[in-house]
Amino acid sequence: MWCVIHVRDRGEKHMERLVAGLLPQSLDARCFHLTRNRKKKFQGKWQIVQEDLFPGYVFVDTVDPDRVYRELKKAPRPKLLFSDDQYVSTLEQKESELLELMADKGGVIGISRVAVDEGGTVRYLSGPLKDVGDRVRNVNLHKRIAEIEASLMGEKQILYLGIEMESP
């Protein structure tokens, strides 16, 4: 299961270090924030850039989300709290499974290789879209992104994932 921690002021890296220090090693939890690789054109050349997928959120992969919550509750309030009531929540099982299909262990969602046949049909050859291609809502070949529709953290989300076109 994945827990989600709301972070203030886009301090994801700082929060990862803080949470990793707060959680006992016996908990066997992995803390990270999700990033995506995608291609962008700068000065006429395609370059790979890495962007935060969910700015303001840090994820903890654990088998015991209740214990993670209890451990984090012990933290000094100004360092961890986003709001006074709820700052740590648990993703639903299907949400965690979707993100696990797309991201590697470091929380990076790589670029998917795609091919377009003569009829205009997009085929997903490798990368995260190979596993979640049925959720693709739109593919923008010009911008090199695919739109994935998902329900995450209780809301409908559109995730923009990077693609790379392979020659036919």
N, C-alpha and C. Protein backbone atom coordinates (compact mmCIF):
# COMPACT_ATOMS: atom_id res chain seq x y z
N MET A 1 0.85 -1.19 0.00
CA MET A 1 0.00 0.00 0.00
C MET A 1 0.89 1.24 0.00
N TRP A 2 0.35 2.27 -0.58
CA TRP A 2 1.07 3.54 -0.61
C TRP A 2 0.35 4.55 0.27
N CYS A 3 1.13 5.25 1.07
CA CYS A 3 0.63 6.39 1.83
C CYS A 3 1.05 7.66 1.09
N VAL A 4 0.26 8.69 1.25
CA VAL A 4 0.55 9.98 0.63
C VAL A 4 0.72 11.01 1.72
N ILE A 5 1.80 11.78 1.63
CA ILE A 5 2.05 12.85 2.59
C ILE A 5 1.98 14.18 1.85
N HIS A 6 1.18 15.07 2.35
CA HIS A 6 1.06 16.41 1.76
C HIS A 6 2.24 17.25 2.24
N VAL A 7 2.89 17.91 1.31
CA VAL A 7 4.11 18.65 1.60
C VAL A 7 3.89 20.13 1.35
N ARG A 8 4.46 20.94 2.19
CA ARG A 8 4.39 22.39 2.02
C ARG A 8 5.49 22.88 1.10
N ASP A 9 5.21 23.92 0.37
CA ASP A 9 6.23 24.67 -0.38
C ASP A 9 7.12 23.83 -1.28
N ARG A 10 6.54 22.80 -1.90
CA ARG A 10 7.28 21.97 -2.86
C ARG A 10 8.59 21.43 -2.29
N GLY A 11 8.58 21.05 -1.04
CA GLY A 11 9.78 20.53 -0.38
C GLY A 11 9.83 19.01 -0.40
N GLU A 12 9.59 18.39 -1.55
CA GLU A 12 9.51 16.93 -1.63
C GLU A 12 10.82 16.25 -1.21
N LYS A 13 11.94 16.74 -1.72
CA LYS A 13 13.24 16.11 -1.39
C LYS A 13 13.52 16.20 0.10
N HIS A 14 13.27 17.36 0.67
CA HIS A 14 13.49 17.54 2.11
C HIS A 14 12.58 16.61 2.90
N MET A 15 11.32 16.50 2.48
CA MET A 15 10.37 15.64 3.19
C MET A 15 10.76 14.17 3.08
N GLU A 16 11.27 13.76 1.93
CA GLU A 16 11.73 12.37 1.79
C GLU A 16 12.79 12.05 2.83
N ARG A 17 13.77 12.94 2.98
CA ARG A 17 14.84 12.72 3.97
C ARG A 17 14.29 12.72 5.39
N LEU A 18 13.39 13.65 5.67
CA LEU A 18 12.80 13.75 7.01
C LEU A 18 12.02 12.49 7.35
N VAL A 19 11.16 12.06 6.43
CA VAL A 19 10.33 10.87 6.68
C VAL A 19 11.20 9.62 6.80
N ALA A 20 12.20 9.49 5.93
CA ALA A 20 13.10 8.33 6.01
C ALA A 20 13.78 8.28 7.37
N GLY A 21 14.10 9.43 7.94
CA GLY A 21 14.73 9.47 9.26
C GLY A 21 13.76 9.18 10.39
N LEU A 22 12.49 9.48 10.19
CA LEU A 22 11.49 9.26 11.24
C LEU A 22 11.00 7.82 11.32
N LEU A 23 10.98 7.13 10.18
CA LEU A 23 10.44 5.77 10.16
C LEU A 23 11.51 4.76 10.55
N PRO A 24 11.20 3.86 11.47
CA PRO A 24 12.18 2.85 11.87
C PRO A 24 12.47 1.90 10.70
N GLN A 25 13.71 1.43 10.66
CA GLN A 25 14.11 0.53 9.58
C GLN A 25 13.30 -0.77 9.58
N SER A 26 12.84 -1.18 10.74
CA SER A 26 12.05 -2.41 10.84
C SER A 26 10.72 -2.30 10.07
N LEU A 27 10.29 -1.08 9.78
CA LEU A 27 9.04 -0.87 9.06
C LEU A 27 9.18 -1.22 7.58
N ASP A 28 10.40 -1.20 7.09
CA ASP A 28 10.69 -1.54 5.69
C ASP A 28 9.81 -0.72 4.74
N ALA A 29 9.89 0.59 4.88
CA ALA A 29 9.10 1.50 4.05
C ALA A 29 10.03 2.23 3.09
N ARG A 30 9.51 2.51 1.92
CA ARG A 30 10.26 3.23 0.88
C ARG A 30 9.58 4.57 0.66
N CYS A 31 10.34 5.66 0.76
CA CYS A 31 9.80 7.00 0.64
C CYS A 31 10.34 7.66 -0.63
N PHE A 32 9.46 8.30 -1.40
CA PHE A 32 9.86 8.89 -2.68
C PHE A 32 8.78 9.85 -3.15
N HIS A 33 9.10 10.66 -4.13
CA HIS A 33 8.07 11.43 -4.81
C HIS A 33 8.11 11.03 -6.28
N LEU A 34 6.96 11.07 -6.92
CA LEU A 34 6.85 10.59 -8.30
C LEU A 34 7.30 11.65 -9.29
N THR A 35 8.14 11.24 -10.21
CA THR A 35 8.58 12.11 -11.30
C THR A 35 8.33 11.39 -12.62
N ARG A 36 8.27 12.17 -13.68
CA ARG A 36 8.11 11.58 -15.01
C ARG A 36 9.20 12.13 -15.91
N ASN A 37 9.67 11.28 -16.79
CA ASN A 37 10.59 11.71 -17.83
C ASN A 37 9.76 11.99 -19.06
N ARG A 38 10.09 13.03 -19.78
CA ARG A 38 9.44 13.30 -21.04
C ARG A 38 10.38 14.09 -21.92
N LYS A 39 10.04 14.16 -23.17
CA LYS A 39 10.87 14.89 -24.12
C LYS A 39 10.27 16.26 -24.36
N LYS A 40 11.14 17.26 -24.41
CA LYS A 40 10.75 18.62 -24.74
C LYS A 40 11.76 19.15 -25.75
N LYS A 41 11.27 20.02 -26.58
CA LYS A 41 12.12 20.58 -27.62
C LYS A 41 12.69 21.92 -27.15
N PHE A 42 14.00 22.01 -27.11
CA PHE A 42 14.71 23.23 -26.77
C PHE A 42 15.66 23.57 -27.92
N GLN A 43 15.50 24.76 -28.47
CA GLN A 43 16.35 25.23 -29.56
C GLN A 43 16.43 24.21 -30.70
N GLY A 44 15.28 23.64 -31.03
CA GLY A 44 15.18 22.73 -32.16
C GLY A 44 15.63 21.30 -31.91
N LYS A 45 16.02 20.97 -30.68
CA LYS A 45 16.47 19.61 -30.36
C LYS A 45 15.64 19.03 -29.23
N TRP A 46 15.25 17.74 -29.38
CA TRP A 46 14.49 17.05 -28.34
C TRP A 46 15.45 16.66 -27.22
N GLN A 47 15.06 17.00 -25.99
CA GLN A 47 15.85 16.65 -24.82
C GLN A 47 14.95 16.02 -23.77
N ILE A 48 15.52 15.13 -22.98
CA ILE A 48 14.75 14.49 -21.91
C ILE A 48 14.81 15.38 -20.67
N VAL A 49 13.64 15.67 -20.11
CA VAL A 49 13.55 16.43 -18.87
C VAL A 49 12.79 15.60 -17.83
N GLN A 50 13.08 15.87 -16.57
CA GLN A 50 12.38 15.17 -15.50
C GLN A 50 11.53 16.19 -14.75
N GLU A 51 10.24 15.86 -14.57
CA GLU A 51 9.29 16.76 -13.92
C GLU A 51 8.57 16.02 -12.79
N ASP A 52 8.15 16.78 -11.78
CA ASP A 52 7.34 16.19 -10.71
C ASP A 52 5.98 15.84 -11.27
N LEU A 53 5.51 14.63 -10.98
CA LEU A 53 4.19 14.23 -11.44
C LEU A 53 3.10 14.81 -10.53
N PHE A 54 3.34 14.78 -9.22
CA PHE A 54 2.40 15.34 -8.25
C PHE A 54 3.16 16.29 -7.33
N PRO A 55 3.34 17.54 -7.76
CA PRO A 55 4.05 18.49 -6.89
C PRO A 55 3.31 18.63 -5.56
N GLY A 56 4.08 18.62 -4.48
CA GLY A 56 3.47 18.78 -3.16
C GLY A 56 3.09 17.48 -2.47
N TYR A 57 3.47 16.34 -3.06
CA TYR A 57 3.14 15.05 -2.45
C TYR A 57 4.36 14.14 -2.41
N VAL A 58 4.50 13.43 -1.29
CA VAL A 58 5.53 12.42 -1.12
C VAL A 58 4.80 11.12 -0.81
N PHE A 59 5.30 10.02 -1.35
CA PHE A 59 4.67 8.71 -1.19
C PHE A 59 5.54 7.80 -0.34
N VAL A 60 4.88 6.93 0.43
CA VAL A 60 5.57 5.92 1.23
C VAL A 60 4.96 4.58 0.86
N ASP A 61 5.80 3.67 0.36
CA ASP A 61 5.36 2.32 0.02
C ASP A 61 5.61 1.44 1.24
N THR A 62 4.56 0.86 1.79
CA THR A 62 4.68 0.09 3.02
C THR A 62 3.60 -0.99 3.08
N VAL A 63 3.84 -2.00 3.89
CA VAL A 63 2.81 -3.02 4.13
C VAL A 63 1.98 -2.67 5.36
N ASP A 64 2.42 -1.65 6.12
CA ASP A 64 1.73 -1.27 7.35
C ASP A 64 1.46 0.24 7.39
N PRO A 65 0.46 0.73 6.61
CA PRO A 65 0.19 2.17 6.58
C PRO A 65 -0.23 2.75 7.94
N ASP A 66 -0.89 1.96 8.76
CA ASP A 66 -1.30 2.46 10.08
C ASP A 66 -0.09 2.79 10.94
N ARG A 67 0.92 1.94 10.88
CA ARG A 67 2.14 2.17 11.66
C ARG A 67 2.89 3.39 11.12
N VAL A 68 2.91 3.56 9.81
CA VAL A 68 3.54 4.75 9.22
C VAL A 68 2.85 6.00 9.77
N TYR A 69 1.54 5.98 9.77
CA TYR A 69 0.77 7.13 10.28
C TYR A 69 1.12 7.40 11.74
N ARG A 70 1.17 6.34 12.56
CA ARG A 70 1.48 6.52 13.99
C ARG A 70 2.89 7.08 14.18
N GLU A 71 3.84 6.59 13.42
CA GLU A 71 5.23 7.07 13.53
C GLU A 71 5.33 8.53 13.11
N LEU A 72 4.66 8.89 12.04
CA LEU A 72 4.73 10.27 11.56
C LEU A 72 3.99 11.23 12.49
N LYS A 73 3.00 10.72 13.20
CA LYS A 73 2.25 11.54 14.15
C LYS A 73 3.16 12.02 15.30
N LYS A 74 4.24 11.27 15.55
CA LYS A 74 5.18 11.63 16.61
C LYS A 74 6.08 12.80 16.20
N ALA A 75 6.11 13.14 14.93
CA ALA A 75 7.00 14.19 14.43
C ALA A 75 6.61 15.56 14.95
N PRO A 76 7.58 16.45 15.09
CA PRO A 76 7.25 17.82 15.50
C PRO A 76 6.31 18.46 14.48
N ARG A 77 5.25 19.04 14.95
CA ARG A 77 4.21 19.55 14.06
C ARG A 77 4.69 20.54 12.99
N PRO A 78 5.47 21.54 13.31
CA PRO A 78 5.82 22.49 12.24
C PRO A 78 6.61 21.86 11.10
N LYS A 79 7.32 20.81 11.37
CA LYS A 79 8.14 20.19 10.32
C LYS A 79 7.32 19.36 9.35
N LEU A 80 6.24 18.77 9.82
CA LEU A 80 5.55 17.78 9.00
C LEU A 80 4.16 18.18 8.57
N LEU A 81 3.45 18.88 9.40
CA LEU A 81 2.04 19.11 9.12
C LEU A 81 1.78 20.03 7.93
N PHE A 82 0.85 19.63 7.12
CA PHE A 82 0.36 20.46 6.02
C PHE A 82 -0.90 21.19 6.48
N SER A 83 -1.74 20.48 7.19
CA SER A 83 -2.93 21.10 7.77
C SER A 83 -3.12 20.52 9.16
N ASP A 84 -4.01 21.08 9.91
CA ASP A 84 -4.18 20.65 11.29
C ASP A 84 -4.87 19.31 11.44
N ASP A 85 -5.63 18.90 10.42
CA ASP A 85 -6.40 17.67 10.60
C ASP A 85 -5.77 16.45 9.91
N GLN A 86 -5.59 16.49 8.63
CA GLN A 86 -5.15 15.29 7.91
C GLN A 86 -3.98 15.63 6.99
N TYR A 87 -2.86 15.01 7.20
CA TYR A 87 -1.71 15.25 6.33
C TYR A 87 -1.15 13.96 5.75
N VAL A 88 -1.59 12.83 6.24
CA VAL A 88 -1.17 11.54 5.71
C VAL A 88 -2.42 10.75 5.37
N SER A 89 -2.48 10.25 4.14
CA SER A 89 -3.62 9.42 3.76
C SER A 89 -3.10 8.20 3.01
N THR A 90 -3.96 7.23 2.83
CA THR A 90 -3.59 5.99 2.16
C THR A 90 -4.32 5.90 0.83
N LEU A 91 -3.57 5.54 -0.21
CA LEU A 91 -4.21 5.33 -1.51
C LEU A 91 -4.99 4.02 -1.48
N GLU A 92 -6.02 3.95 -2.29
CA GLU A 92 -6.75 2.70 -2.43
C GLU A 92 -5.84 1.69 -3.14
N GLN A 93 -6.13 0.41 -2.97
CA GLN A 93 -5.31 -0.65 -3.55
C GLN A 93 -5.16 -0.50 -5.06
N LYS A 94 -6.26 -0.21 -5.76
CA LYS A 94 -6.20 -0.09 -7.22
C LYS A 94 -5.38 1.12 -7.64
N GLU A 95 -5.39 2.18 -6.83
CA GLU A 95 -4.57 3.35 -7.14
C GLU A 95 -3.09 3.03 -6.99
N SER A 96 -2.74 2.34 -5.90
CA SER A 96 -1.35 1.93 -5.68
C SER A 96 -0.88 1.02 -6.80
N GLU A 97 -1.72 0.09 -7.18
CA GLU A 97 -1.35 -0.86 -8.24
C GLU A 97 -1.09 -0.16 -9.57
N LEU A 98 -1.90 0.83 -9.90
CA LEU A 98 -1.70 1.58 -11.13
C LEU A 98 -0.36 2.30 -11.11
N LEU A 99 -0.07 3.00 -10.02
CA LEU A 99 1.19 3.73 -9.93
C LEU A 99 2.39 2.78 -9.93
N GLU A 100 2.24 1.62 -9.31
CA GLU A 100 3.32 0.63 -9.32
C GLU A 100 3.59 0.11 -10.73
N LEU A 101 2.54 0.00 -11.54
CA LEU A 101 2.72 -0.43 -12.93
C LEU A 101 3.52 0.59 -13.74
N MET A 102 3.35 1.86 -13.41
CA MET A 102 3.97 2.92 -14.20
C MET A 102 5.37 3.31 -13.71
N ALA A 103 5.59 3.34 -12.39
CA ALA A 103 6.83 3.87 -11.83
C ALA A 103 7.81 2.77 -11.47
N ASP A 104 9.11 3.11 -11.52
CA ASP A 104 10.12 2.18 -11.04
C ASP A 104 10.26 2.34 -9.52
N LYS A 105 11.17 1.63 -8.91
CA LYS A 105 11.32 1.66 -7.44
C LYS A 105 11.74 3.02 -6.92
N GLY A 106 12.36 3.84 -7.76
CA GLY A 106 12.76 5.18 -7.35
C GLY A 106 11.66 6.22 -7.53
N GLY A 107 10.51 5.80 -8.06
CA GLY A 107 9.41 6.72 -8.27
C GLY A 107 9.46 7.44 -9.61
N VAL A 108 10.30 6.95 -10.53
CA VAL A 108 10.43 7.59 -11.84
C VAL A 108 9.57 6.86 -12.87
N ILE A 109 8.79 7.63 -13.60
CA ILE A 109 7.99 7.08 -14.69
C ILE A 109 8.72 7.41 -15.98
N GLY A 110 9.19 6.39 -16.64
CA GLY A 110 10.02 6.58 -17.83
C GLY A 110 9.21 6.93 -19.07
N ILE A 111 9.93 7.08 -20.15
CA ILE A 111 9.34 7.40 -21.45
C ILE A 111 8.94 6.10 -22.13
N SER A 112 7.76 6.07 -22.70
CA SER A 112 7.28 4.90 -23.43
C SER A 112 7.61 5.04 -24.91
N ARG A 113 8.00 3.96 -25.52
CA ARG A 113 8.24 3.93 -26.97
C ARG A 113 6.93 3.54 -27.64
N VAL A 114 6.56 4.32 -28.66
CA VAL A 114 5.32 4.06 -29.38
C VAL A 114 5.60 4.04 -30.88
N ALA A 115 4.73 3.36 -31.59
CA ALA A 115 4.79 3.34 -33.06
C ALA A 115 3.38 3.61 -33.57
N VAL A 116 3.32 4.30 -34.70
CA VAL A 116 2.03 4.61 -35.31
C VAL A 116 1.98 3.89 -36.65
N ASP A 117 0.96 3.04 -36.82
CA ASP A 117 0.86 2.30 -38.09
C ASP A 117 0.22 3.18 -39.16
N GLU A 118 0.12 2.66 -40.35
CA GLU A 118 -0.39 3.43 -41.49
C GLU A 118 -1.82 3.90 -41.29
N GLY A 119 -2.58 3.18 -40.52
CA GLY A 119 -3.97 3.56 -40.24
C GLY A 119 -4.10 4.60 -39.14
N GLY A 120 -2.99 5.00 -38.53
CA GLY A 120 -3.01 5.99 -37.46
C GLY A 120 -3.17 5.41 -36.07
N THR A 121 -3.18 4.08 -35.95
CA THR A 121 -3.31 3.44 -34.65
C THR A 121 -1.97 3.48 -33.92
N VAL A 122 -2.01 3.91 -32.66
CA VAL A 122 -0.81 3.99 -31.85
C VAL A 122 -0.62 2.67 -31.11
N ARG A 123 0.57 2.10 -31.23
CA ARG A 123 0.92 0.88 -30.50
C ARG A 123 1.96 1.23 -29.45
N TYR A 124 1.80 0.69 -28.25
CA TYR A 124 2.72 0.94 -27.15
C TYR A 124 3.72 -0.21 -27.11
N LEU A 125 4.98 0.09 -27.42
CA LEU A 125 5.98 -0.94 -27.56
C LEU A 125 6.72 -1.26 -26.26
N SER A 126 6.99 -0.25 -25.46
CA SER A 126 7.69 -0.47 -24.20
C SER A 126 7.42 0.70 -23.26
N GLY A 127 7.83 0.55 -22.03
CA GLY A 127 7.63 1.59 -21.03
C GLY A 127 6.30 1.44 -20.32
N PRO A 128 5.95 2.41 -19.49
CA PRO A 128 4.74 2.30 -18.67
C PRO A 128 3.46 2.17 -19.47
N LEU A 129 3.39 2.74 -20.66
CA LEU A 129 2.16 2.67 -21.44
C LEU A 129 1.87 1.27 -21.94
N LYS A 130 2.88 0.45 -22.00
CA LYS A 130 2.65 -0.93 -22.44
C LYS A 130 1.72 -1.64 -21.46
N ASP A 131 1.84 -1.30 -20.17
CA ASP A 131 1.01 -1.93 -19.13
C ASP A 131 -0.31 -1.20 -18.88
N VAL A 132 -0.37 0.09 -19.18
CA VAL A 132 -1.57 0.86 -18.89
C VAL A 132 -2.14 1.53 -20.14
N GLY A 133 -1.85 0.99 -21.29
CA GLY A 133 -2.32 1.56 -22.56
C GLY A 133 -3.82 1.66 -22.67
N ASP A 134 -4.54 0.79 -21.96
CA ASP A 134 -6.00 0.84 -22.02
C ASP A 134 -6.57 2.09 -21.34
N ARG A 135 -5.77 2.78 -20.57
CA ARG A 135 -6.22 4.00 -19.89
C ARG A 135 -5.88 5.28 -20.66
N VAL A 136 -5.19 5.13 -21.79
CA VAL A 136 -4.80 6.31 -22.56
C VAL A 136 -6.04 6.97 -23.16
N ARG A 137 -6.16 8.23 -22.92
CA ARG A 137 -7.29 9.02 -23.38
C ARG A 137 -6.97 9.76 -24.67
N ASN A 138 -5.71 10.20 -24.78
CA ASN A 138 -5.28 10.95 -25.95
C ASN A 138 -3.77 10.86 -26.07
N VAL A 139 -3.29 10.85 -27.31
CA VAL A 139 -1.85 10.87 -27.56
C VAL A 139 -1.56 12.09 -28.43
N ASN A 140 -0.65 12.93 -27.95
CA ASN A 140 -0.25 14.11 -28.70
C ASN A 140 1.16 13.85 -29.22
N LEU A 141 1.24 13.43 -30.48
CA LEU A 141 2.54 13.08 -31.06
C LEU A 141 3.44 14.31 -31.20
N HIS A 142 2.85 15.45 -31.46
CA HIS A 142 3.63 16.67 -31.62
C HIS A 142 4.35 17.06 -30.33
N LYS A 143 3.62 16.97 -29.21
CA LYS A 143 4.22 17.33 -27.91
C LYS A 143 4.90 16.16 -27.22
N ARG A 144 4.74 14.95 -27.79
CA ARG A 144 5.34 13.73 -27.25
C ARG A 144 4.82 13.38 -25.86
N ILE A 145 3.48 13.47 -25.71
CA ILE A 145 2.87 13.08 -24.44
C ILE A 145 1.62 12.23 -24.69
N ALA A 146 1.33 11.39 -23.72
CA ALA A 146 0.09 10.61 -23.71
C ALA A 146 -0.66 10.99 -22.44
N GLU A 147 -1.96 11.14 -22.57
CA GLU A 147 -2.81 11.48 -21.43
C GLU A 147 -3.43 10.21 -20.87
N ILE A 148 -3.22 9.97 -19.60
CA ILE A 148 -3.78 8.82 -18.90
C ILE A 148 -4.86 9.33 -17.95
N GLU A 149 -6.01 8.71 -17.97
CA GLU A 149 -7.08 9.07 -17.06
C GLU A 149 -7.08 8.09 -15.90
N ALA A 150 -7.06 8.63 -14.68
CA ALA A 150 -7.03 7.78 -13.50
C ALA A 150 -7.75 8.46 -12.34
N SER A 151 -8.21 7.67 -11.41
CA SER A 151 -8.77 8.19 -10.18
C SER A 151 -7.71 8.02 -9.11
N LEU A 152 -7.22 9.14 -8.60
CA LEU A 152 -6.17 9.11 -7.58
C LEU A 152 -6.49 10.10 -6.48
N MET A 153 -6.26 9.68 -5.26
CA MET A 153 -6.49 10.52 -4.08
C MET A 153 -7.91 11.07 -4.06
N GLY A 154 -8.83 10.23 -4.50
CA GLY A 154 -10.24 10.59 -4.44
C GLY A 154 -10.72 11.51 -5.54
N GLU A 155 -9.87 11.80 -6.52
CA GLU A 155 -10.26 12.71 -7.59
C GLU A 155 -9.86 12.13 -8.94
N LYS A 156 -10.59 12.52 -9.95
CA LYS A 156 -10.25 12.14 -11.31
C LYS A 156 -9.04 12.97 -11.74
N GLN A 157 -8.02 12.31 -12.24
CA GLN A 157 -6.78 12.98 -12.62
C GLN A 157 -6.45 12.66 -14.06
N ILE A 158 -5.79 13.59 -14.73
CA ILE A 158 -5.21 13.34 -16.04
C ILE A 158 -3.70 13.42 -15.85
N LEU A 159 -3.02 12.33 -16.14
CA LEU A 159 -1.57 12.26 -16.02
C LEU A 159 -0.96 12.37 -17.41
N TYR A 160 0.04 13.18 -17.55
CA TYR A 160 0.71 13.37 -18.83
C TYR A 160 2.05 12.62 -18.78
N LEU A 161 2.16 11.57 -19.59
CA LEU A 161 3.37 10.76 -19.61
C LEU A 161 4.11 10.93 -20.92
N GLY A 162 5.42 10.83 -20.85
CA GLY A 162 6.26 11.04 -22.01
C GLY A 162 6.27 9.84 -22.96
N ILE A 163 6.34 10.16 -24.27
CA ILE A 163 6.45 9.13 -25.29
C ILE A 163 7.59 9.47 -26.23
N GLU A 164 8.10 8.43 -26.86
CA GLU A 164 9.12 8.58 -27.88
C GLU A 164 8.66 7.78 -29.07
N MET A 165 8.69 8.40 -30.24
CA MET A 165 8.19 7.72 -31.44
C MET A 165 9.30 6.88 -32.05
N GLU A 166 8.91 5.68 -32.42
CA GLU A 166 9.83 4.79 -33.09
C GLU A 166 9.49 4.78 -34.58
N SER A 167 10.51 4.77 -35.40
CA SER A 167 10.29 4.76 -36.85
C SER A 167 9.64 3.45 -37.28
N PRO A 168 8.70 3.52 -38.23
CA PRO A 168 8.02 2.31 -38.68
C PRO A 168 8.95 1.37 -39.44
